[in-house]
Amino acid sequence: MSCDIRARIVPIETRGQINASFGGDVSCDNGTVNIVNTADTLLFSKTVPSGGVAEQVIPDTDYTDSDGTAKTQLAGLAIVCEPQVKDQSDSYPFPAGTDQIVATIIAPTDITYTANVLTNCSSPIYTKNAAVVMLPFAVSDGDTLQVNITQTDSGQASLVQLNGTYV
């Protein structure tokens, strides 16, 4: 006798393993369980003996994260890529005798400055959109950044280099 059995296959907690059981008082021919993804692509088929249990281990998913790292995720779990954090360095030159510059930030993404490198100057004061900020601070496209310094030798040019990251 041939039977039409419909089953919802639900992953159990063990590492990507699916147990499907068909049985009871009905005697049937062996059946076939087709496992498909959400695009109805056949992943594999499994013959299930009448009244028996078929076990199929679903392999983990190997993928490359956004930073180029090879990773593996357990079958059936969502893959979450880590954002790729990149270094950013911006220089603000001061001609000799200058102690203030104002710059409009042009950036496709937020930048977080975490450190500075000072050449021929000290005591930088950072003002973002009219508010004084301290390192670390973030800037966005269109922000105004004012940098005030005290030049060590007013006869020489100075440089403030801001270092940070962006995603």
N, C-alpha and C. Protein backbone atom coordinates (compact mmCIF):
# COMPACT_ATOMS: atom_id res chain seq x y z
N MET A 1 0.84 -1.16 0.00
CA MET A 1 0.00 0.00 0.00
C MET A 1 0.89 1.23 0.00
N SER A 2 0.51 2.22 -0.78
CA SER A 2 1.24 3.47 -0.86
C SER A 2 0.53 4.51 -0.01
N CYS A 3 1.26 5.30 0.72
CA CYS A 3 0.68 6.31 1.61
C CYS A 3 1.23 7.68 1.26
N ASP A 4 0.40 8.67 1.38
CA ASP A 4 0.83 10.06 1.21
C ASP A 4 0.98 10.64 2.61
N ILE A 5 2.22 10.84 3.01
CA ILE A 5 2.47 11.37 4.35
C ILE A 5 3.12 12.73 4.22
N ARG A 6 2.56 13.69 4.88
CA ARG A 6 3.13 15.03 4.90
C ARG A 6 3.65 15.28 6.31
N ALA A 7 4.87 15.77 6.37
CA ALA A 7 5.46 16.00 7.68
C ALA A 7 6.18 17.33 7.68
N ARG A 8 6.09 17.99 8.78
CA ARG A 8 6.87 19.20 8.98
C ARG A 8 8.13 18.78 9.71
N ILE A 9 9.28 19.03 9.11
CA ILE A 9 10.54 18.65 9.71
C ILE A 9 11.04 19.83 10.54
N VAL A 10 11.25 19.62 11.81
CA VAL A 10 11.69 20.67 12.71
C VAL A 10 13.05 20.27 13.27
N PRO A 11 14.06 21.16 13.11
CA PRO A 11 15.39 20.82 13.66
C PRO A 11 15.31 20.64 15.17
N ILE A 12 16.00 19.63 15.67
CA ILE A 12 16.11 19.48 17.11
C ILE A 12 17.40 20.16 17.56
N GLU A 13 17.64 20.20 18.84
CA GLU A 13 18.73 21.00 19.36
C GLU A 13 20.12 20.47 19.05
N THR A 14 20.25 19.22 18.67
CA THR A 14 21.58 18.71 18.40
C THR A 14 22.06 19.21 17.06
N ARG A 15 23.21 19.60 16.97
CA ARG A 15 23.95 20.18 15.86
C ARG A 15 23.42 19.88 14.47
N GLY A 16 22.36 20.57 14.05
CA GLY A 16 21.87 20.48 12.68
C GLY A 16 21.28 19.13 12.32
N GLN A 17 20.81 18.37 13.28
CA GLN A 17 20.30 17.03 13.00
C GLN A 17 18.78 17.10 12.93
N ILE A 18 18.19 16.35 12.00
CA ILE A 18 16.74 16.31 11.88
C ILE A 18 16.30 14.87 12.09
N ASN A 19 15.33 14.67 12.95
CA ASN A 19 14.72 13.36 13.11
C ASN A 19 13.32 13.43 12.53
N ALA A 20 12.99 12.51 11.66
CA ALA A 20 11.65 12.42 11.12
C ALA A 20 11.14 11.03 11.41
N SER A 21 9.97 10.92 11.95
CA SER A 21 9.43 9.61 12.30
C SER A 21 8.08 9.43 11.65
N PHE A 22 7.91 8.34 10.98
CA PHE A 22 6.64 8.00 10.36
C PHE A 22 6.26 6.62 10.87
N GLY A 23 5.15 6.47 11.47
CA GLY A 23 4.79 5.17 12.00
C GLY A 23 3.35 5.16 12.45
N GLY A 24 3.05 4.31 13.36
CA GLY A 24 1.69 4.17 13.85
C GLY A 24 1.13 2.85 13.36
N ASP A 25 -0.19 2.78 13.20
CA ASP A 25 -0.86 1.55 12.79
C ASP A 25 -0.93 1.39 11.29
N VAL A 26 -0.41 2.34 10.55
CA VAL A 26 -0.51 2.28 9.10
C VAL A 26 0.76 1.63 8.56
N SER A 27 0.61 0.70 7.65
CA SER A 27 1.75 0.08 6.99
C SER A 27 1.87 0.70 5.62
N CYS A 28 3.04 1.24 5.31
CA CYS A 28 3.23 1.94 4.06
C CYS A 28 4.51 1.46 3.39
N ASP A 29 4.63 1.77 2.12
CA ASP A 29 5.89 1.58 1.43
C ASP A 29 6.90 2.56 2.01
N ASN A 30 8.18 2.31 1.75
CA ASN A 30 9.18 3.29 2.14
C ASN A 30 8.84 4.63 1.52
N GLY A 31 9.15 5.69 2.21
CA GLY A 31 8.86 7.02 1.71
C GLY A 31 10.13 7.80 1.45
N THR A 32 9.98 8.92 0.78
CA THR A 32 11.11 9.80 0.51
C THR A 32 10.80 11.16 1.08
N VAL A 33 11.73 11.69 1.84
CA VAL A 33 11.61 13.05 2.36
C VAL A 33 12.56 13.92 1.56
N ASN A 34 12.02 14.96 0.94
CA ASN A 34 12.84 15.92 0.21
C ASN A 34 13.02 17.16 1.07
N ILE A 35 14.26 17.55 1.28
CA ILE A 35 14.56 18.76 2.04
C ILE A 35 14.91 19.85 1.04
N VAL A 36 14.15 20.94 1.09
CA VAL A 36 14.36 22.05 0.18
C VAL A 36 14.58 23.32 0.99
N ASN A 37 15.23 24.31 0.35
CA ASN A 37 15.38 25.60 1.00
C ASN A 37 14.18 26.48 0.66
N THR A 38 14.19 27.73 1.11
CA THR A 38 13.04 28.60 0.88
C THR A 38 12.86 28.96 -0.59
N ALA A 39 13.86 28.73 -1.42
CA ALA A 39 13.74 28.96 -2.87
C ALA A 39 13.32 27.68 -3.59
N ASP A 40 12.89 26.67 -2.83
CA ASP A 40 12.48 25.36 -3.35
C ASP A 40 13.59 24.64 -4.09
N THR A 41 14.83 24.93 -3.74
CA THR A 41 15.97 24.19 -4.29
C THR A 41 16.15 22.93 -3.46
N LEU A 42 16.21 21.79 -4.12
CA LEU A 42 16.38 20.52 -3.43
C LEU A 42 17.77 20.46 -2.82
N LEU A 43 17.85 20.29 -1.50
CA LEU A 43 19.12 20.18 -0.81
C LEU A 43 19.55 18.72 -0.73
N PHE A 44 18.62 17.85 -0.40
CA PHE A 44 18.88 16.41 -0.41
C PHE A 44 17.57 15.67 -0.23
N SER A 45 17.59 14.38 -0.56
CA SER A 45 16.46 13.48 -0.37
C SER A 45 16.88 12.37 0.56
N LYS A 46 15.93 11.85 1.29
CA LYS A 46 16.22 10.77 2.23
C LYS A 46 15.09 9.76 2.16
N THR A 47 15.44 8.50 2.01
CA THR A 47 14.44 7.44 2.05
C THR A 47 14.15 7.10 3.49
N VAL A 48 12.85 7.04 3.82
CA VAL A 48 12.42 6.72 5.17
C VAL A 48 11.72 5.37 5.12
N PRO A 49 12.22 4.39 5.86
CA PRO A 49 11.57 3.09 5.84
C PRO A 49 10.20 3.13 6.50
N SER A 50 9.29 2.32 6.01
CA SER A 50 7.95 2.27 6.56
C SER A 50 8.03 1.97 8.06
N GLY A 51 7.40 2.79 8.86
CA GLY A 51 7.39 2.59 10.30
C GLY A 51 8.71 2.88 10.96
N GLY A 52 9.66 3.42 10.21
CA GLY A 52 10.99 3.64 10.77
C GLY A 52 11.31 5.10 10.97
N VAL A 53 12.55 5.31 11.33
CA VAL A 53 13.07 6.66 11.55
C VAL A 53 14.26 6.86 10.63
N ALA A 54 14.33 8.02 10.01
CA ALA A 54 15.49 8.36 9.18
C ALA A 54 16.17 9.57 9.80
N GLU A 55 17.45 9.50 9.88
CA GLU A 55 18.21 10.61 10.46
C GLU A 55 19.07 11.22 9.38
N GLN A 56 19.08 12.53 9.32
CA GLN A 56 19.91 13.24 8.33
C GLN A 56 20.61 14.38 9.05
N VAL A 57 21.91 14.44 8.95
CA VAL A 57 22.67 15.54 9.53
C VAL A 57 22.79 16.63 8.47
N ILE A 58 22.38 17.81 8.83
CA ILE A 58 22.48 18.95 7.92
C ILE A 58 23.82 19.62 8.19
N PRO A 59 24.64 19.80 7.17
CA PRO A 59 25.97 20.38 7.40
C PRO A 59 25.90 21.84 7.81
N ASP A 60 26.91 22.23 8.58
CA ASP A 60 27.03 23.64 8.96
C ASP A 60 27.31 24.47 7.71
N THR A 61 27.12 25.77 7.83
CA THR A 61 27.31 26.68 6.72
C THR A 61 28.66 27.36 6.84
N ASP A 62 29.50 27.20 5.83
CA ASP A 62 30.78 27.91 5.78
C ASP A 62 30.57 29.20 4.99
N TYR A 63 31.14 30.29 5.47
CA TYR A 63 31.01 31.57 4.77
C TYR A 63 32.22 32.44 5.06
N THR A 64 32.36 33.50 4.29
CA THR A 64 33.43 34.47 4.49
C THR A 64 32.82 35.76 5.03
N ASP A 65 33.29 36.18 6.19
CA ASP A 65 32.78 37.39 6.82
C ASP A 65 33.25 38.62 6.03
N SER A 66 32.67 39.77 6.34
CA SER A 66 32.99 41.00 5.60
C SER A 66 34.44 41.42 5.74
N ASP A 67 35.12 40.95 6.79
CA ASP A 67 36.53 41.28 6.95
C ASP A 67 37.45 40.25 6.31
N GLY A 68 36.88 39.27 5.58
CA GLY A 68 37.67 38.27 4.87
C GLY A 68 37.95 37.02 5.69
N THR A 69 37.48 36.96 6.93
CA THR A 69 37.71 35.81 7.79
C THR A 69 36.76 34.67 7.42
N ALA A 70 37.30 33.44 7.28
CA ALA A 70 36.47 32.27 7.03
C ALA A 70 35.80 31.87 8.33
N LYS A 71 34.48 31.65 8.29
CA LYS A 71 33.72 31.29 9.48
C LYS A 71 32.76 30.16 9.17
N THR A 72 32.26 29.53 10.23
CA THR A 72 31.26 28.47 10.11
C THR A 72 30.12 28.76 11.08
N GLN A 73 28.88 28.56 10.62
CA GLN A 73 27.70 28.76 11.47
C GLN A 73 26.92 27.45 11.50
N LEU A 74 26.37 27.12 12.65
CA LEU A 74 25.54 25.93 12.78
C LEU A 74 24.38 25.99 11.80
N ALA A 75 24.01 24.84 11.25
CA ALA A 75 22.90 24.77 10.30
C ALA A 75 21.63 25.32 10.94
N GLY A 76 20.87 26.07 10.16
CA GLY A 76 19.60 26.58 10.63
C GLY A 76 19.67 27.87 11.42
N LEU A 77 20.86 28.35 11.72
CA LEU A 77 20.99 29.60 12.47
C LEU A 77 21.37 30.73 11.53
N ALA A 78 20.97 31.93 11.86
CA ALA A 78 21.25 33.11 11.03
C ALA A 78 22.73 33.42 11.00
N ILE A 79 23.19 33.88 9.86
CA ILE A 79 24.57 34.34 9.71
C ILE A 79 24.57 35.85 9.91
N VAL A 80 25.39 36.31 10.84
CA VAL A 80 25.50 37.74 11.11
C VAL A 80 26.95 38.15 10.84
N CYS A 81 27.14 38.99 9.85
CA CYS A 81 28.49 39.44 9.51
C CYS A 81 28.88 40.61 10.41
N GLU A 82 30.12 40.62 10.81
CA GLU A 82 30.65 41.71 11.60
C GLU A 82 30.98 42.86 10.66
N PRO A 83 30.66 44.09 11.06
CA PRO A 83 31.02 45.21 10.19
C PRO A 83 32.54 45.33 10.08
N GLN A 84 32.98 45.69 8.91
CA GLN A 84 34.41 45.85 8.69
C GLN A 84 34.82 47.25 9.15
N VAL A 85 35.63 47.30 10.20
CA VAL A 85 36.08 48.57 10.75
C VAL A 85 37.39 48.95 10.06
N LYS A 86 37.44 50.17 9.56
CA LYS A 86 38.62 50.65 8.84
C LYS A 86 39.24 51.82 9.59
N ASP A 87 40.56 51.96 9.43
CA ASP A 87 41.26 53.08 10.05
C ASP A 87 41.07 54.35 9.24
N GLN A 88 41.04 55.48 9.94
CA GLN A 88 40.90 56.78 9.30
C GLN A 88 41.90 57.73 9.93
N SER A 89 42.59 58.50 9.11
CA SER A 89 43.53 59.50 9.59
C SER A 89 43.32 60.78 8.80
N ASP A 90 43.05 61.86 9.49
CA ASP A 90 42.84 63.15 8.85
C ASP A 90 43.81 64.18 9.43
N SER A 91 44.43 64.96 8.54
CA SER A 91 45.42 65.96 8.96
C SER A 91 44.85 67.36 8.81
N TYR A 92 45.14 68.17 9.79
CA TYR A 92 44.73 69.57 9.79
C TYR A 92 45.98 70.42 9.93
N PRO A 93 46.47 70.98 8.80
CA PRO A 93 47.69 71.79 8.83
C PRO A 93 47.40 73.23 9.28
N PHE A 94 48.33 73.77 10.02
CA PHE A 94 48.25 75.16 10.48
C PHE A 94 49.48 75.89 9.96
N PRO A 95 49.32 76.91 9.12
CA PRO A 95 50.47 77.70 8.70
C PRO A 95 51.10 78.40 9.92
N ALA A 96 52.34 78.78 9.79
CA ALA A 96 53.03 79.49 10.88
C ALA A 96 52.18 80.69 11.32
N GLY A 97 52.06 80.86 12.63
CA GLY A 97 51.31 82.00 13.17
C GLY A 97 49.81 81.79 13.23
N THR A 98 49.31 80.61 12.89
CA THR A 98 47.86 80.33 12.89
C THR A 98 47.53 79.42 14.07
N ASP A 99 46.44 79.75 14.77
CA ASP A 99 46.09 78.91 15.91
C ASP A 99 44.67 78.34 15.83
N GLN A 100 43.98 78.57 14.71
CA GLN A 100 42.62 78.05 14.58
C GLN A 100 42.32 77.72 13.13
N ILE A 101 41.67 76.60 12.92
CA ILE A 101 41.12 76.27 11.60
C ILE A 101 39.71 75.75 11.80
N VAL A 102 38.89 75.90 10.76
CA VAL A 102 37.52 75.40 10.78
C VAL A 102 37.36 74.56 9.53
N ALA A 103 36.85 73.33 9.70
CA ALA A 103 36.67 72.44 8.56
C ALA A 103 35.25 71.88 8.58
N THR A 104 34.68 71.72 7.39
CA THR A 104 33.41 71.03 7.26
C THR A 104 33.72 69.59 6.89
N ILE A 105 33.20 68.67 7.66
CA ILE A 105 33.46 67.26 7.46
C ILE A 105 32.70 66.76 6.23
N ILE A 106 33.43 66.12 5.33
CA ILE A 106 32.83 65.49 4.16
C ILE A 106 33.19 64.01 4.26
N ALA A 107 32.20 63.20 4.63
CA ALA A 107 32.46 61.78 4.85
C ALA A 107 31.20 60.98 4.53
N PRO A 108 31.37 59.84 3.86
CA PRO A 108 30.19 59.02 3.54
C PRO A 108 29.65 58.26 4.75
N THR A 109 30.40 58.24 5.85
CA THR A 109 29.98 57.51 7.04
C THR A 109 30.55 58.21 8.28
N ASP A 110 30.02 57.85 9.44
CA ASP A 110 30.52 58.45 10.68
C ASP A 110 31.96 58.02 10.93
N ILE A 111 32.75 58.93 11.45
CA ILE A 111 34.13 58.66 11.82
C ILE A 111 34.25 58.91 13.32
N THR A 112 34.90 57.99 14.02
CA THR A 112 35.16 58.19 15.44
C THR A 112 36.65 58.40 15.62
N TYR A 113 37.01 59.61 16.03
CA TYR A 113 38.42 59.93 16.30
C TYR A 113 38.74 59.51 17.73
N THR A 114 39.85 58.79 17.88
CA THR A 114 40.22 58.26 19.19
C THR A 114 41.58 58.76 19.69
N ALA A 115 42.39 59.32 18.80
CA ALA A 115 43.73 59.76 19.18
C ALA A 115 44.17 60.90 18.27
N ASN A 116 45.19 61.64 18.72
CA ASN A 116 45.76 62.68 17.86
C ASN A 116 47.28 62.60 17.92
N VAL A 117 47.90 63.11 16.87
CA VAL A 117 49.35 63.26 16.81
C VAL A 117 49.59 64.74 16.54
N LEU A 118 50.36 65.39 17.40
CA LEU A 118 50.56 66.83 17.31
C LEU A 118 52.00 67.13 16.90
N THR A 119 52.13 68.04 15.93
CA THR A 119 53.45 68.49 15.48
C THR A 119 53.53 70.01 15.68
N ASN A 120 54.49 70.45 16.47
CA ASN A 120 54.73 71.87 16.75
C ASN A 120 53.49 72.55 17.35
N CYS A 121 52.78 71.83 18.19
CA CYS A 121 51.63 72.45 18.86
C CYS A 121 51.27 71.63 20.09
N SER A 122 50.41 72.23 20.91
CA SER A 122 49.94 71.55 22.11
C SER A 122 48.53 72.03 22.42
N SER A 123 47.92 71.38 23.38
CA SER A 123 46.61 71.79 23.92
C SER A 123 45.54 71.98 22.86
N PRO A 124 45.31 71.01 21.98
CA PRO A 124 44.24 71.21 20.99
C PRO A 124 42.87 71.23 21.67
N ILE A 125 42.03 72.12 21.18
CA ILE A 125 40.64 72.19 21.63
C ILE A 125 39.79 71.91 20.40
N TYR A 126 38.94 70.89 20.50
CA TYR A 126 38.07 70.50 19.38
C TYR A 126 36.65 70.97 19.67
N THR A 127 36.06 71.64 18.69
CA THR A 127 34.69 72.11 18.80
C THR A 127 33.91 71.57 17.61
N LYS A 128 32.92 70.72 17.92
CA LYS A 128 32.08 70.13 16.86
C LYS A 128 30.71 70.78 16.92
N ASN A 129 30.33 71.40 15.81
CA ASN A 129 29.02 72.05 15.72
C ASN A 129 28.76 72.96 16.93
N ALA A 130 29.76 73.77 17.28
CA ALA A 130 29.69 74.78 18.34
C ALA A 130 29.75 74.21 19.76
N ALA A 131 30.00 72.90 19.91
CA ALA A 131 30.12 72.30 21.24
C ALA A 131 31.52 71.72 21.39
N VAL A 132 32.18 72.06 22.51
CA VAL A 132 33.52 71.53 22.76
C VAL A 132 33.41 70.03 23.03
N VAL A 133 34.29 69.26 22.37
CA VAL A 133 34.31 67.80 22.54
C VAL A 133 35.72 67.35 22.90
N MET A 134 35.82 66.20 23.52
CA MET A 134 37.11 65.61 23.90
C MET A 134 37.23 64.27 23.17
N LEU A 135 38.47 63.85 22.96
CA LEU A 135 38.69 62.53 22.37
C LEU A 135 38.23 61.46 23.36
N PRO A 136 37.58 60.41 22.91
CA PRO A 136 37.14 60.15 21.54
C PRO A 136 35.85 60.90 21.23
N PHE A 137 35.67 61.27 19.96
CA PHE A 137 34.43 61.89 19.51
C PHE A 137 34.15 61.46 18.08
N ALA A 138 32.88 61.53 17.71
CA ALA A 138 32.46 61.11 16.37
C ALA A 138 32.01 62.33 15.56
N VAL A 139 32.26 62.27 14.27
CA VAL A 139 31.79 63.31 13.35
C VAL A 139 31.04 62.63 12.22
N SER A 140 30.12 63.38 11.63
CA SER A 140 29.32 62.90 10.52
C SER A 140 29.43 63.87 9.36
N ASP A 141 28.98 63.42 8.20
CA ASP A 141 28.98 64.26 7.01
C ASP A 141 28.22 65.55 7.29
N GLY A 142 28.84 66.67 7.00
CA GLY A 142 28.21 67.98 7.20
C GLY A 142 28.52 68.64 8.53
N ASP A 143 29.10 67.90 9.48
CA ASP A 143 29.48 68.51 10.76
C ASP A 143 30.57 69.56 10.53
N THR A 144 30.61 70.55 11.40
CA THR A 144 31.68 71.55 11.40
C THR A 144 32.62 71.23 12.55
N LEU A 145 33.90 71.13 12.23
CA LEU A 145 34.91 70.86 13.25
C LEU A 145 35.88 72.03 13.29
N GLN A 146 35.99 72.65 14.45
CA GLN A 146 36.94 73.73 14.67
C GLN A 146 38.05 73.19 15.55
N VAL A 147 39.30 73.46 15.17
CA VAL A 147 40.45 73.00 15.96
C VAL A 147 41.26 74.24 16.34
N ASN A 148 41.44 74.42 17.63
CA ASN A 148 42.27 75.51 18.15
C ASN A 148 43.51 74.88 18.80
N ILE A 149 44.67 75.50 18.57
CA ILE A 149 45.93 74.98 19.13
C ILE A 149 46.76 76.12 19.70
N THR A 150 47.79 75.74 20.41
CA THR A 150 48.84 76.67 20.80
C THR A 150 50.10 76.20 20.09
N GLN A 151 50.62 77.05 19.18
CA GLN A 151 51.83 76.67 18.45
C GLN A 151 53.04 76.76 19.37
N THR A 152 53.89 75.74 19.30
CA THR A 152 55.11 75.72 20.09
C THR A 152 56.08 76.77 19.58
N ASP A 153 56.26 76.82 18.27
CA ASP A 153 57.12 77.82 17.60
C ASP A 153 56.25 78.51 16.56
N SER A 154 55.83 79.74 16.85
CA SER A 154 54.90 80.44 15.95
C SER A 154 55.52 80.76 14.59
N GLY A 155 56.81 80.57 14.44
CA GLY A 155 57.47 80.78 13.16
C GLY A 155 57.45 79.54 12.27
N GLN A 156 56.92 78.44 12.79
CA GLN A 156 56.88 77.18 12.05
C GLN A 156 55.42 76.72 11.89
N ALA A 157 55.18 75.98 10.81
CA ALA A 157 53.85 75.39 10.60
C ALA A 157 53.60 74.30 11.64
N SER A 158 52.33 74.03 11.89
CA SER A 158 51.93 72.99 12.84
C SER A 158 50.98 72.02 12.16
N LEU A 159 50.80 70.88 12.78
CA LEU A 159 49.92 69.86 12.21
C LEU A 159 49.20 69.13 13.33
N VAL A 160 47.89 68.96 13.17
CA VAL A 160 47.10 68.10 14.06
C VAL A 160 46.61 66.95 13.19
N GLN A 161 46.99 65.75 13.57
CA GLN A 161 46.52 64.56 12.85
C GLN A 161 45.56 63.82 13.77
N LEU A 162 44.33 63.64 13.31
CA LEU A 162 43.32 62.91 14.08
C LEU A 162 43.23 61.50 13.53
N ASN A 163 43.33 60.51 14.40
CA ASN A 163 43.26 59.11 14.01
C ASN A 163 42.03 58.45 14.63
N GLY A 164 41.39 57.61 13.85
CA GLY A 164 40.20 56.92 14.34
C GLY A 164 39.78 55.80 13.41
N THR A 165 38.49 55.50 13.46
CA THR A 165 37.95 54.40 12.66
C THR A 165 36.58 54.77 12.12
N TYR A 166 36.17 53.99 11.10
CA TYR A 166 34.82 54.10 10.57
C TYR A 166 34.38 52.73 10.09
N VAL A 167 33.08 52.56 9.95
CA VAL A 167 32.52 51.29 9.48
C VAL A 167 32.02 51.51 8.07
